[in-house]
Amino acid sequence: MSSTEPVIASLDPSHPAYIEVGEMKMATVEDQRLAVIRTQDGVHVLDNACPHQGYGLVTGDLDPDFQDGPVVTCLWHNWKFRVTDGVCLIGEEDVTCHSTSIGDNGEVHVLIQRPSREHQMRVLWPSLRSALNNHYVGQISRDTVRLLDNGATPAEIMAAAIDATIGRTEDGADHEMALAADCLAIAEERHGDARVLPLVIGLSGLAEQTRGRTEVTVEPSDRGDLVELIERERLEDAMATCGALTASAAQPHLIEAAARHHLGYGHGSIYAQKAFELLDRIGETSAASLLPQLTRSLTLMTREDVLPYMRKTTRAIDEVDLQTLADSPTVRRVSEAEVDEFLNAEQFDVPRAVDLAAAGVGVRGLIDIASIGSAKRMLRYDISTEADADANFNWLAISHGLTHARATRWAWDISPSAPVARMALHGLWLLFDTGRWERRNGVASHRFEPDPQIASAPTGFADELMDDAMDDRGGSFIVVAHLVKTTRAALEETEATGSPLPLQAAARLVRGDRRERFVARNVNESIRFIRTGRPPIR
């Protein structure tokens, strides 16, 4: 710390800088504005800028009789600070308090506190954890800026957030974890202050979805085969077993578990991808907190393939020799006609998909069909459906086809195996199922042409699109999470397939009309159910 000792006030009534009991004055020392406050027990000096938004404390109120000692109140948002030490009694963040000394003639001197980097980091990490626990977005933002300024990396900040929150998710790793993974990737691709927005979006998502929830953890121990424990829904045993494994040891088991069923309309595969991508960036030390929560979500998630609407497809997939399908070589790209064949199908033909893979497109080609086909589905989606309060269908349902295709490609690159071949067939079924609104109401009439700007500069286009996805116009957490993950998946799929359509589809979603109908939809469905006893129409 460095110091200076100018006279900032005086206790001598004859001195020009005299300060009375109960008075507050502003002084400037080393270009720093200070709030000089005199109470019955002495003179105290705080930073004048309220740490919330910078409004001057000396323009606020001084209450010498507050229950926790004299306080100064910033009137803009009612934050209250104890004048003796700067502790925030109402609000989110303390204000810096500086040391004072009194000279022989009553002159008040100040010793400016210049905390070292080490001291700031010791304060900032607990402050960030507190902000996450309370979902204080302002404090999360300020702490993120300060941590970055003091040399913390985006990965270190996100790792701390994961460790602080992930055990308190509702049903295991969910959209908040997937959003955190994408936001960290974006932050690491940017520089300077451009890193702050994606980081804070990821951090605030974790905070919002875990605030007030009870932590769910299990002591690590080997209790059997992880995949079978998940399959049998032995939740505690599965979490304990996963916690005893390293990330690299757990990865193939969790990929297989995600592929056993069509989990959560594709989210099981997506969450597996995002969890391991996140660990690649923040390090395996967070695996002990993150992977048991991924196990929890894979265990508890809806198994779509056992539901009535998917049973026919499940029986057909069960008849496939998945190892033979996995061994089918990819020797050519899929054609547009082959994509459109599955996009426009009246029934999902599993044998046709197997034959096509054997004819040279392989599993990777099936993933391409799901990816490009889902992009086309999004590009011809009738946006007027968003305004139909009775429609149990919207943008977000279609976007799962694209993000699931991306997750399947990730899994295939890591483990080109029979389980992932099944996942690819689930992806083709998802492409078919997202067309149910078209089949019920007629194919949407929207026409589109490939955007040449995307083909010439996909990364630059994606950067601008991601800025739009992270803008506050995105709305609620769940919408922002879908916009970000769809944009991220679209860029990667455009690069993988060579087609501009995934990015073009994401742009139509991000920049198009959307209606958030989560409350209205639930009200309509509840009324319908209470009056008729019938479930929602898929």
Protein backbone atom coordinates (compact mmCIF):
# COMPACT_ATOMS: atom_id res chain seq x y z
CA MET A 1 0.00 0.00 0.00
CA SER A 2 1.05 3.57 -0.68
CA SER A 3 -0.08 6.50 1.42
CA THR A 4 -0.42 10.25 1.56
CA GLU A 5 -1.46 12.41 4.47
CA PRO A 6 -3.05 15.69 3.33
CA VAL A 7 -5.40 17.58 5.60
CA ILE A 8 -8.94 16.68 4.52
CA ALA A 9 -10.81 18.17 7.48
CA SER A 10 -10.28 19.74 10.87
CA LEU A 11 -11.82 19.45 14.30
CA ASP A 12 -10.85 23.08 15.00
CA PRO A 13 -13.85 25.40 14.47
CA SER A 14 -11.51 28.19 13.40
CA HIS A 15 -9.94 26.09 10.64
CA PRO A 16 -11.29 26.54 7.07
CA ALA A 17 -11.72 22.77 6.75
CA TYR A 18 -13.74 22.44 9.96
CA ILE A 19 -16.31 19.63 9.92
CA GLU A 20 -19.13 19.48 12.43
CA VAL A 21 -20.54 16.38 14.11
CA GLY A 22 -23.21 14.95 11.81
CA GLU A 23 -21.72 16.58 8.73
CA MET A 24 -20.44 14.95 5.50
CA LYS A 25 -18.04 16.58 3.04
CA MET A 26 -16.32 15.44 -0.11
CA ALA A 27 -12.53 15.65 -0.40
CA THR A 28 -10.30 14.73 -3.33
CA VAL A 29 -6.99 13.01 -2.68
CA GLU A 30 -4.83 11.59 -5.47
CA ASP A 31 -7.74 12.09 -7.92
CA GLN A 32 -9.92 9.94 -5.67
CA ARG A 33 -13.17 11.36 -4.29
CA LEU A 34 -13.66 10.64 -0.61
CA ALA A 35 -16.64 10.98 1.71
CA VAL A 36 -15.44 12.56 4.98
CA ILE A 37 -18.00 11.88 7.72
CA ARG A 38 -17.92 13.10 11.33
CA THR A 39 -19.93 11.33 14.02
CA GLN A 40 -19.87 11.51 17.81
CA ASP A 41 -17.04 8.97 17.94
CA GLY A 42 -14.75 10.53 15.33
CA VAL A 43 -14.07 11.20 11.66
CA HIS A 44 -14.38 8.42 9.11
CA VAL A 45 -13.45 8.35 5.44
CA LEU A 46 -15.10 6.19 2.79
CA ASP A 47 -14.88 6.19 -0.98
CA ASN A 48 -17.49 8.71 -2.06
CA ALA A 49 -18.70 6.58 -4.96
CA CYS A 50 -21.41 4.11 -3.97
CA PRO A 51 -20.10 0.74 -5.25
CA HIS A 52 -23.45 0.02 -6.86
CA GLN A 53 -23.49 2.65 -9.60
CA GLY A 54 -21.13 5.39 -8.43
CA TYR A 55 -23.51 7.98 -7.01
CA GLY A 56 -21.91 10.23 -4.37
CA LEU A 57 -22.43 9.16 -0.77
CA VAL A 58 -22.16 12.73 0.55
CA THR A 59 -25.37 13.54 -1.36
CA GLY A 60 -27.11 10.89 0.74
CA ASP A 61 -28.32 10.78 4.34
CA LEU A 62 -26.35 10.22 7.52
CA ASP A 63 -28.15 8.39 10.33
CA PRO A 64 -26.08 8.45 13.55
CA ASP A 65 -28.57 6.26 15.43
CA PHE A 66 -29.00 3.30 13.09
CA GLN A 67 -29.25 -0.03 14.93
CA ASP A 68 -25.86 -1.28 13.67
CA GLY A 69 -24.03 1.99 14.21
CA PRO A 70 -23.94 5.23 12.21
CA VAL A 71 -24.78 4.65 8.55
CA VAL A 72 -24.71 6.65 5.36
CA THR A 73 -27.47 5.92 2.85
CA CYS A 74 -27.11 6.29 -0.91
CA LEU A 75 -30.55 7.62 -1.73
CA TRP A 76 -30.61 6.35 -5.29
CA HIS A 77 -31.22 2.70 -4.33
CA ASN A 78 -31.25 2.79 -0.51
CA TRP A 79 -27.93 1.02 -0.02
CA LYS A 80 -26.66 1.63 3.52
CA PHE A 81 -23.03 1.59 4.67
CA ARG A 82 -21.68 1.59 8.21
CA VAL A 83 -19.43 4.62 8.36
CA THR A 84 -16.90 3.09 10.76
CA ASP A 85 -15.79 0.32 8.38
CA GLY A 86 -17.72 0.66 5.09
CA VAL A 87 -19.65 -2.59 5.58
CA CYS A 88 -22.80 -2.70 3.45
CA LEU A 89 -25.82 -3.32 5.68
CA ILE A 90 -28.47 -3.05 2.97
CA GLY A 91 -27.28 -3.72 -0.57
CA GLU A 92 -24.74 -5.99 -2.16
CA GLU A 93 -21.19 -4.69 -1.70
CA ASP A 94 -19.01 -2.94 0.89
CA VAL A 95 -17.45 0.45 0.21
CA THR A 96 -13.74 0.97 0.87
CA CYS A 97 -12.93 2.57 4.23
CA HIS A 98 -9.69 4.54 4.65
CA SER A 99 -7.64 5.06 7.82
CA THR A 100 -7.55 8.46 9.49
CA SER A 101 -5.35 10.14 12.06
CA ILE A 102 -5.78 13.38 14.02
CA GLY A 103 -2.91 15.88 14.33
CA ASP A 104 -2.05 17.90 17.42
CA ASN A 105 -4.09 20.88 16.18
CA GLY A 106 -7.11 18.82 15.14
CA GLU A 107 -6.11 18.33 11.51
CA VAL A 108 -7.62 15.17 10.01
CA HIS A 109 -5.28 13.16 7.79
CA VAL A 110 -6.16 10.17 5.63
CA LEU A 111 -4.16 7.09 4.72
CA ILE A 112 -5.50 6.01 1.32
CA GLN A 113 -5.99 2.25 1.23
CA ARG A 114 -4.50 0.74 -1.92
CA PRO A 115 -5.19 -2.97 -1.58
CA SER A 116 -2.73 -5.30 -3.27
CA ARG A 117 -3.79 -7.65 -6.03
CA GLU A 118 -3.55 -10.54 -3.60
CA HIS A 119 -5.80 -8.77 -1.11
CA GLN A 120 -8.34 -7.89 -3.79
CA MET A 121 -8.45 -11.48 -5.01
CA ARG A 122 -8.98 -12.77 -1.47
CA VAL A 123 -11.98 -10.45 -1.21
CA LEU A 124 -13.34 -10.86 -4.74
CA TRP A 125 -13.70 -14.65 -4.85
CA PRO A 126 -15.96 -14.82 -1.77
CA SER A 127 -17.81 -11.75 -3.03
CA LEU A 128 -18.52 -13.48 -6.34
CA ARG A 129 -19.75 -16.59 -4.54
CA SER A 130 -22.07 -14.43 -2.41
CA ALA A 131 -23.37 -12.65 -5.51
CA LEU A 132 -24.04 -15.99 -7.21
CA ASN A 133 -25.85 -17.32 -4.16
CA ASN A 134 -28.13 -14.29 -4.14
CA HIS A 135 -28.38 -13.76 -7.91
CA TYR A 136 -27.16 -10.19 -7.63
CA VAL A 137 -26.43 -9.49 -11.28
CA GLY A 138 -24.86 -6.09 -10.59
CA GLN A 139 -22.42 -7.53 -8.08
CA ILE A 140 -21.68 -10.48 -10.38
CA SER A 141 -20.88 -7.97 -13.13
CA ARG A 142 -18.66 -5.75 -10.98
CA ASP A 143 -16.79 -8.70 -9.48
CA THR A 144 -16.23 -10.15 -12.94
CA VAL A 145 -14.72 -6.91 -14.22
CA ARG A 146 -12.47 -6.61 -11.17
CA LEU A 147 -11.38 -10.24 -11.29
CA LEU A 148 -10.44 -9.91 -14.95
CA ASP A 149 -8.59 -6.66 -14.21
CA ASN A 150 -6.61 -8.45 -11.51
CA GLY A 151 -5.54 -11.25 -13.81
CA ALA A 152 -8.16 -13.94 -13.33
CA THR A 153 -8.99 -15.86 -16.51
CA PRO A 154 -12.52 -16.41 -17.80
CA ALA A 155 -12.03 -20.14 -17.17
CA GLU A 156 -11.09 -19.53 -13.52
CA ILE A 157 -14.15 -17.33 -13.02
CA MET A 158 -16.48 -19.87 -14.61
CA ALA A 159 -14.92 -22.74 -12.66
CA ALA A 160 -15.58 -20.89 -9.42
CA ALA A 161 -19.18 -20.30 -10.48
CA ILE A 162 -19.75 -23.94 -11.42
CA ASP A 163 -18.33 -25.17 -8.12
CA ALA A 164 -20.48 -22.65 -6.20
CA THR A 165 -23.79 -23.39 -7.92
CA ILE A 166 -24.01 -26.67 -9.82
CA GLY A 167 -24.98 -28.77 -6.80
CA ARG A 168 -28.11 -26.64 -6.35
CA THR A 169 -29.70 -27.16 -9.76
CA GLU A 170 -33.29 -28.42 -9.80
CA ASP A 171 -32.71 -31.82 -11.39
CA GLY A 172 -29.02 -31.91 -12.22
CA ALA A 173 -27.02 -30.13 -14.93
CA ASP A 174 -29.48 -28.34 -17.18
CA HIS A 175 -29.80 -25.30 -19.47
CA GLU A 176 -27.81 -23.14 -17.06
CA MET A 177 -24.77 -25.42 -17.41
CA ALA A 178 -25.09 -25.58 -21.20
CA LEU A 179 -25.35 -21.79 -21.35
CA ALA A 180 -22.29 -21.46 -19.10
CA ALA A 181 -20.29 -23.71 -21.43
CA ASP A 182 -21.19 -21.67 -24.50
CA CYS A 183 -20.66 -18.34 -22.76
CA LEU A 184 -17.20 -19.35 -21.58
CA ALA A 185 -16.26 -20.41 -25.10
CA ILE A 186 -17.40 -17.02 -26.42
CA ALA A 187 -15.54 -15.13 -23.70
CA GLU A 188 -12.31 -16.99 -24.43
CA GLU A 189 -12.57 -16.03 -28.09
CA ARG A 190 -12.85 -12.33 -27.22
CA HIS A 191 -10.53 -9.80 -25.65
CA GLY A 192 -10.63 -7.08 -23.00
CA ASP A 193 -14.02 -5.84 -21.86
CA ALA A 194 -15.74 -7.79 -24.66
CA ARG A 195 -15.28 -10.85 -22.45
CA VAL A 196 -17.49 -9.50 -19.68
CA LEU A 197 -20.96 -9.79 -21.25
CA PRO A 198 -20.79 -13.48 -22.22
CA LEU A 199 -19.21 -14.33 -18.87
CA VAL A 200 -21.88 -12.52 -16.88
CA ILE A 201 -24.69 -14.03 -18.95
CA GLY A 202 -23.33 -17.48 -18.12
CA LEU A 203 -22.79 -16.63 -14.44
CA SER A 204 -26.18 -15.01 -13.98
CA GLY A 205 -27.86 -18.02 -15.60
CA LEU A 206 -26.22 -20.30 -13.06
CA ALA A 207 -27.26 -17.97 -10.26
CA GLU A 208 -30.85 -17.52 -11.43
CA GLN A 209 -31.52 -21.23 -11.76
CA THR A 210 -29.96 -22.26 -8.44
CA ARG A 211 -30.89 -19.45 -6.07
CA GLY A 212 -32.59 -20.74 -2.95
CA ARG A 213 -32.33 -24.42 -3.89
CA THR A 214 -30.99 -27.13 -1.63
CA GLU A 215 -27.65 -28.64 -2.56
CA VAL A 216 -27.76 -32.27 -3.69
CA THR A 217 -24.46 -34.11 -3.32
CA VAL A 218 -23.35 -37.69 -2.66
CA GLU A 219 -20.06 -38.94 -1.21
CA PRO A 220 -18.02 -40.51 -4.04
CA SER A 221 -17.77 -44.32 -4.01
CA ASP A 222 -17.77 -47.14 -6.54
CA ARG A 223 -21.20 -48.75 -6.43
CA GLY A 224 -21.27 -50.60 -9.73
CA ASP A 225 -21.56 -50.06 -13.46
CA LEU A 226 -22.39 -46.40 -14.05
CA VAL A 227 -24.51 -46.90 -17.18
CA GLU A 228 -26.59 -49.63 -15.58
CA LEU A 229 -27.09 -47.59 -12.42
CA ILE A 230 -28.41 -44.72 -14.54
CA GLU A 231 -30.54 -47.13 -16.56
CA ARG A 232 -32.11 -48.55 -13.38
CA GLU A 233 -32.59 -45.03 -11.98
CA ARG A 234 -30.54 -45.71 -8.87
CA LEU A 235 -29.79 -42.04 -8.51
CA GLU A 236 -27.67 -41.92 -5.36
CA ASP A 237 -25.56 -44.89 -6.42
CA ALA A 238 -25.06 -43.45 -9.91
CA MET A 239 -24.00 -40.04 -8.57
CA ALA A 240 -21.60 -41.63 -6.08
CA THR A 241 -20.03 -43.85 -8.74
CA CYS A 242 -19.61 -40.97 -11.19
CA GLY A 243 -18.05 -38.85 -8.46
CA ALA A 244 -15.40 -41.51 -7.94
CA LEU A 245 -14.31 -41.38 -11.61
CA THR A 246 -12.02 -38.94 -13.39
CA ALA A 247 -13.55 -36.94 -16.23
CA SER A 248 -11.76 -39.03 -18.87
CA ALA A 249 -12.91 -42.27 -17.25
CA ALA A 250 -16.52 -41.06 -16.89
CA GLN A 251 -16.85 -39.66 -20.41
CA PRO A 252 -17.53 -42.87 -22.41
CA HIS A 253 -20.01 -44.09 -19.80
CA LEU A 254 -21.97 -40.84 -19.78
CA ILE A 255 -22.02 -40.66 -23.58
CA GLU A 256 -23.44 -44.18 -23.66
CA ALA A 257 -25.98 -43.31 -20.98
CA ALA A 258 -27.07 -40.27 -22.99
CA ALA A 259 -27.46 -42.47 -26.08
CA ARG A 260 -29.46 -45.27 -24.41
CA HIS A 261 -32.65 -43.21 -24.70
CA HIS A 262 -33.90 -40.14 -26.48
CA LEU A 263 -33.62 -38.12 -23.29
CA GLY A 264 -35.55 -34.91 -22.73
CA TYR A 265 -36.24 -34.29 -26.42
CA GLY A 266 -32.51 -34.40 -27.14
CA HIS A 267 -31.27 -32.55 -24.07
CA GLY A 268 -29.48 -35.58 -22.61
CA SER A 269 -27.03 -35.61 -25.50
CA ILE A 270 -26.72 -31.82 -25.50
CA TYR A 271 -25.94 -31.65 -21.79
CA ALA A 272 -23.34 -34.39 -22.06
CA GLN A 273 -21.59 -32.47 -24.83
CA LYS A 274 -21.68 -29.16 -22.95
CA ALA A 275 -20.51 -30.64 -19.65
CA PHE A 276 -17.36 -32.12 -21.17
CA GLU A 277 -16.68 -29.09 -23.34
CA LEU A 278 -16.93 -27.01 -20.18
CA LEU A 279 -14.49 -29.29 -18.35
CA ASP A 280 -12.07 -29.04 -21.28
CA ARG A 281 -11.93 -25.30 -20.60
CA ILE A 282 -12.12 -25.06 -16.80
CA GLY A 283 -10.13 -28.19 -15.96
CA GLU A 284 -10.85 -31.61 -14.50
CA THR A 285 -10.78 -30.33 -10.92
CA SER A 286 -14.42 -29.28 -11.42
CA ALA A 287 -15.42 -32.76 -12.61
CA ALA A 288 -16.16 -33.86 -9.05
CA SER A 289 -18.86 -31.19 -8.72
CA LEU A 290 -20.16 -31.14 -12.31
CA LEU A 291 -20.30 -34.76 -13.51
CA PRO A 292 -22.43 -36.17 -10.67
CA GLN A 293 -24.96 -33.46 -11.57
CA LEU A 294 -24.84 -34.49 -15.22
CA THR A 295 -25.44 -38.05 -14.00
CA ARG A 296 -28.39 -36.77 -12.01
CA SER A 297 -29.95 -35.13 -15.05
CA LEU A 298 -29.41 -38.21 -17.25
CA THR A 299 -31.03 -40.38 -14.59
CA LEU A 300 -34.08 -38.17 -14.01
CA MET A 301 -34.73 -36.93 -17.54
CA THR A 302 -37.81 -37.99 -19.51
CA ARG A 303 -37.14 -41.03 -21.72
CA GLU A 304 -38.98 -39.93 -24.82
CA ASP A 305 -38.40 -43.23 -26.62
CA VAL A 306 -40.69 -45.11 -24.21
CA LEU A 307 -43.60 -42.69 -24.70
CA PRO A 308 -46.48 -43.76 -26.98
CA TYR A 309 -45.69 -41.36 -29.81
CA MET A 310 -42.18 -42.77 -30.23
CA ARG A 311 -42.65 -46.48 -29.52
CA LYS A 312 -42.95 -47.50 -33.15
CA THR A 313 -39.64 -45.80 -33.94
CA THR A 314 -38.02 -47.31 -30.85
CA ARG A 315 -39.03 -50.82 -31.93
CA ALA A 316 -37.58 -50.19 -35.38
CA ILE A 317 -34.29 -48.90 -33.91
CA ASP A 318 -34.12 -51.94 -31.62
CA GLU A 319 -34.09 -54.15 -34.74
CA VAL A 320 -31.03 -52.38 -36.19
CA ASP A 321 -27.57 -53.91 -35.91
CA LEU A 322 -26.10 -50.76 -34.42
CA GLN A 323 -22.51 -51.98 -34.59
CA THR A 324 -22.84 -52.63 -38.30
CA LEU A 325 -24.38 -49.20 -38.70
CA ALA A 326 -21.48 -47.66 -36.75
CA ASP A 327 -18.99 -49.48 -38.99
CA SER A 328 -20.53 -48.06 -42.19
CA PRO A 329 -17.85 -45.89 -43.82
CA THR A 330 -18.48 -42.32 -44.88
CA VAL A 331 -17.24 -41.99 -48.45
CA ARG A 332 -19.48 -39.22 -49.78
CA ARG A 333 -21.54 -36.23 -48.78
CA VAL A 334 -25.29 -36.44 -48.55
CA SER A 335 -27.22 -34.81 -51.35
CA GLU A 336 -29.86 -32.12 -50.99
CA ALA A 337 -32.43 -34.62 -52.26
CA GLU A 338 -31.51 -37.03 -49.46
CA VAL A 339 -31.86 -34.28 -46.88
CA ASP A 340 -35.26 -33.30 -48.29
CA GLU A 341 -36.37 -36.93 -48.33
CA PHE A 342 -36.13 -37.08 -44.53
CA LEU A 343 -37.25 -33.48 -44.04
CA ASN A 344 -40.51 -34.04 -45.94
CA ALA A 345 -41.19 -37.65 -44.92
CA GLU A 346 -44.72 -38.58 -43.86
CA GLN A 347 -43.27 -41.40 -41.74
CA PHE A 348 -39.80 -41.85 -40.26
CA ASP A 349 -38.24 -44.76 -42.16
CA VAL A 350 -35.50 -46.29 -39.97
CA PRO A 351 -34.49 -48.99 -42.53
CA ARG A 352 -34.06 -46.30 -45.18
CA ALA A 353 -31.67 -44.41 -42.89
CA VAL A 354 -29.66 -47.60 -42.28
CA ASP A 355 -29.53 -48.38 -46.00
CA LEU A 356 -28.41 -44.85 -46.81
CA ALA A 357 -25.60 -45.08 -44.25
CA ALA A 358 -24.48 -48.39 -45.75
CA ALA A 359 -24.58 -46.84 -49.23
CA GLY A 360 -21.73 -44.48 -48.38
CA VAL A 361 -22.91 -41.63 -46.18
CA GLY A 362 -22.20 -43.48 -42.91
CA VAL A 363 -23.31 -42.23 -39.52
CA ARG A 364 -21.66 -38.88 -40.17
CA GLY A 365 -23.93 -38.43 -43.17
CA LEU A 366 -27.00 -39.19 -41.07
CA ILE A 367 -25.87 -36.44 -38.70
CA ASP A 368 -25.50 -34.09 -41.70
CA ILE A 369 -29.08 -34.86 -42.73
CA ALA A 370 -30.35 -34.07 -39.23
CA SER A 371 -28.31 -30.86 -39.13
CA ILE A 372 -29.12 -29.42 -42.55
CA GLY A 373 -32.68 -30.72 -42.41
CA SER A 374 -33.30 -29.06 -39.06
CA ALA A 375 -31.91 -25.81 -40.43
CA LYS A 376 -34.30 -26.00 -43.37
CA ARG A 377 -37.16 -26.72 -40.99
CA MET A 378 -36.32 -23.55 -39.06
CA LEU A 379 -35.99 -21.52 -42.24
CA ARG A 380 -39.45 -22.45 -43.46
CA TYR A 381 -41.15 -22.26 -40.05
CA ASP A 382 -44.34 -20.22 -40.14
CA ILE A 383 -43.60 -17.45 -37.64
CA SER A 384 -47.30 -16.68 -37.27
CA THR A 385 -47.45 -19.81 -35.11
CA GLU A 386 -45.69 -17.80 -32.41
CA ALA A 387 -48.82 -15.68 -32.02
CA ASP A 388 -51.15 -18.68 -31.75
CA ALA A 389 -51.89 -19.01 -28.04
CA ASP A 390 -53.30 -22.52 -28.55
CA ALA A 391 -50.22 -23.83 -30.36
CA ASN A 392 -48.12 -26.12 -28.17
CA PHE A 393 -45.23 -25.66 -30.58
CA ASN A 394 -42.69 -22.92 -31.22
CA TRP A 395 -39.21 -21.96 -32.34
CA LEU A 396 -37.47 -23.59 -29.41
CA ALA A 397 -38.86 -27.04 -30.19
CA ILE A 398 -37.44 -26.94 -33.73
CA SER A 399 -34.07 -25.61 -32.56
CA HIS A 400 -33.49 -28.83 -30.60
CA GLY A 401 -33.02 -30.65 -33.90
CA LEU A 402 -30.00 -28.51 -34.75
CA THR A 403 -28.42 -28.54 -31.29
CA HIS A 404 -28.97 -32.29 -30.94
CA ALA A 405 -27.26 -32.86 -34.28
CA ARG A 406 -24.30 -30.87 -33.03
CA ALA A 407 -24.16 -32.92 -29.81
CA THR A 408 -24.32 -36.15 -31.79
CA ARG A 409 -21.43 -35.06 -34.01
CA TRP A 410 -19.40 -34.22 -30.90
CA ALA A 411 -20.11 -37.66 -29.43
CA TRP A 412 -19.31 -39.39 -32.73
CA ASP A 413 -15.97 -37.60 -33.00
CA ILE A 414 -15.09 -38.86 -29.51
CA SER A 415 -16.66 -42.29 -29.61
CA PRO A 416 -17.70 -43.59 -33.08
CA SER A 417 -19.65 -46.47 -31.60
CA ALA A 418 -22.93 -48.37 -31.64
CA PRO A 419 -24.48 -46.21 -28.86
CA VAL A 420 -23.74 -43.01 -30.78
CA ALA A 421 -25.15 -44.60 -33.96
CA ARG A 422 -28.39 -44.97 -32.01
CA MET A 423 -28.11 -41.30 -31.01
CA ALA A 424 -27.84 -40.39 -34.71
CA LEU A 425 -31.06 -42.28 -35.44
CA HIS A 426 -32.72 -40.40 -32.59
CA GLY A 427 -31.56 -37.20 -34.29
CA LEU A 428 -33.26 -38.19 -37.55
CA TRP A 429 -36.42 -38.99 -35.63
CA LEU A 430 -36.19 -35.54 -34.03
CA LEU A 431 -35.98 -34.01 -37.50
CA PHE A 432 -39.15 -35.90 -38.39
CA ASP A 433 -40.97 -35.03 -35.18
CA THR A 434 -40.28 -31.28 -35.43
CA GLY A 435 -42.28 -31.42 -38.67
CA ARG A 436 -45.48 -32.43 -36.90
CA TRP A 437 -46.85 -28.88 -37.03
CA GLU A 438 -46.21 -28.73 -40.77
CA ARG A 439 -47.87 -32.10 -41.36
CA ARG A 440 -50.86 -31.10 -39.24
CA ASN A 441 -51.33 -27.66 -40.77
CA GLY A 442 -49.69 -27.84 -44.18
CA VAL A 443 -46.07 -27.07 -45.11
CA ALA A 444 -45.11 -23.50 -44.31
CA SER A 445 -44.93 -21.29 -47.36
CA HIS A 446 -41.80 -19.39 -46.37
CA ARG A 447 -39.16 -19.44 -49.11
CA PHE A 448 -35.46 -18.87 -48.60
CA GLU A 449 -32.23 -18.74 -50.56
CA PRO A 450 -28.77 -19.46 -49.10
CA ASP A 451 -27.19 -16.26 -47.81
CA PRO A 452 -23.89 -15.61 -49.65
CA GLN A 453 -22.60 -13.44 -46.76
CA ILE A 454 -22.62 -16.46 -44.47
CA ALA A 455 -20.76 -18.66 -46.92
CA SER A 456 -18.04 -16.05 -47.41
CA ALA A 457 -17.48 -15.12 -43.75
CA PRO A 458 -19.27 -17.51 -41.39
CA THR A 459 -17.26 -16.64 -38.28
CA GLY A 460 -17.80 -12.89 -38.60
CA PHE A 461 -21.49 -13.43 -39.26
CA ALA A 462 -21.72 -15.70 -36.21
CA ASP A 463 -19.99 -13.11 -33.99
CA GLU A 464 -22.56 -10.46 -34.91
CA LEU A 465 -25.37 -12.95 -34.47
CA MET A 466 -24.08 -13.96 -31.05
CA ASP A 467 -24.09 -10.31 -29.98
CA ASP A 468 -27.77 -10.22 -30.92
CA ALA A 469 -28.42 -13.48 -29.07
CA MET A 470 -26.86 -12.07 -25.88
CA ASP A 471 -28.72 -8.77 -26.11
CA ASP A 472 -31.39 -8.14 -23.48
CA ARG A 473 -34.06 -8.39 -26.16
CA GLY A 474 -33.69 -12.15 -25.80
CA GLY A 475 -36.00 -12.02 -22.81
CA SER A 476 -36.23 -14.75 -20.18
CA PHE A 477 -33.38 -17.02 -19.19
CA ILE A 478 -34.67 -20.03 -21.11
CA VAL A 479 -34.99 -18.05 -24.35
CA VAL A 480 -31.51 -16.55 -24.06
CA ALA A 481 -30.11 -20.02 -23.32
CA HIS A 482 -31.68 -21.38 -26.51
CA LEU A 483 -30.60 -18.42 -28.63
CA VAL A 484 -26.98 -18.73 -27.50
CA LYS A 485 -26.71 -22.51 -27.78
CA THR A 486 -28.45 -22.54 -31.18
CA THR A 487 -26.13 -19.85 -32.54
CA ARG A 488 -23.06 -21.67 -31.20
CA ALA A 489 -24.22 -25.00 -32.63
CA ALA A 490 -25.12 -23.36 -35.94
CA LEU A 491 -21.62 -21.97 -36.47
CA GLU A 492 -20.06 -25.34 -35.70
CA GLU A 493 -22.52 -27.16 -37.94
CA THR A 494 -22.00 -24.72 -40.80
CA GLU A 495 -18.28 -25.45 -40.52
CA ALA A 496 -18.85 -29.21 -40.28
CA THR A 497 -21.36 -29.57 -43.12
CA GLY A 498 -20.09 -26.84 -45.43
CA SER A 499 -23.66 -25.54 -45.62
CA PRO A 500 -24.57 -21.95 -44.66
CA LEU A 501 -28.09 -23.07 -43.71
CA PRO A 502 -27.49 -23.79 -39.99
CA LEU A 503 -26.22 -20.25 -39.41
CA GLN A 504 -28.93 -18.81 -41.61
CA ALA A 505 -31.54 -20.70 -39.59
CA ALA A 506 -30.08 -19.46 -36.31
CA ALA A 507 -30.21 -15.89 -37.64
CA ARG A 508 -33.90 -16.27 -38.44
CA LEU A 509 -34.53 -17.50 -34.91
CA VAL A 510 -32.44 -14.84 -33.16
CA ARG A 511 -33.57 -11.90 -35.29
CA GLY A 512 -37.11 -13.00 -36.01
CA ASP A 513 -40.36 -12.50 -34.16
CA ARG A 514 -40.70 -14.58 -31.02
CA ARG A 515 -43.37 -14.70 -28.41
CA GLU A 516 -42.56 -15.96 -24.94
CA ARG A 517 -45.68 -17.89 -24.06
CA PHE A 518 -44.49 -19.87 -21.05
CA VAL A 519 -47.03 -18.40 -18.64
CA ALA A 520 -49.83 -17.98 -21.19
CA ARG A 521 -49.27 -21.49 -22.55
CA ASN A 522 -49.37 -23.04 -19.09
CA VAL A 523 -52.56 -21.14 -18.26
CA ASN A 524 -54.24 -22.32 -21.47
CA GLU A 525 -53.11 -25.91 -20.94
CA SER A 526 -54.23 -25.84 -17.30
CA ILE A 527 -57.70 -24.57 -18.19
CA ARG A 528 -58.02 -27.17 -20.93
CA PHE A 529 -56.91 -29.96 -18.60
CA ILE A 530 -59.14 -28.91 -15.69
CA ARG A 531 -62.16 -28.55 -17.98
CA THR A 532 -61.63 -31.67 -20.14
CA GLY A 533 -59.12 -33.92 -18.37
CA ARG A 534 -57.13 -34.15 -21.61
CA PRO A 535 -53.37 -33.64 -21.91
CA PRO A 536 -51.83 -30.99 -24.21
CA ILE A 537 -51.72 -31.71 -27.93
CA ARG A 538 -48.17 -32.40 -29.04
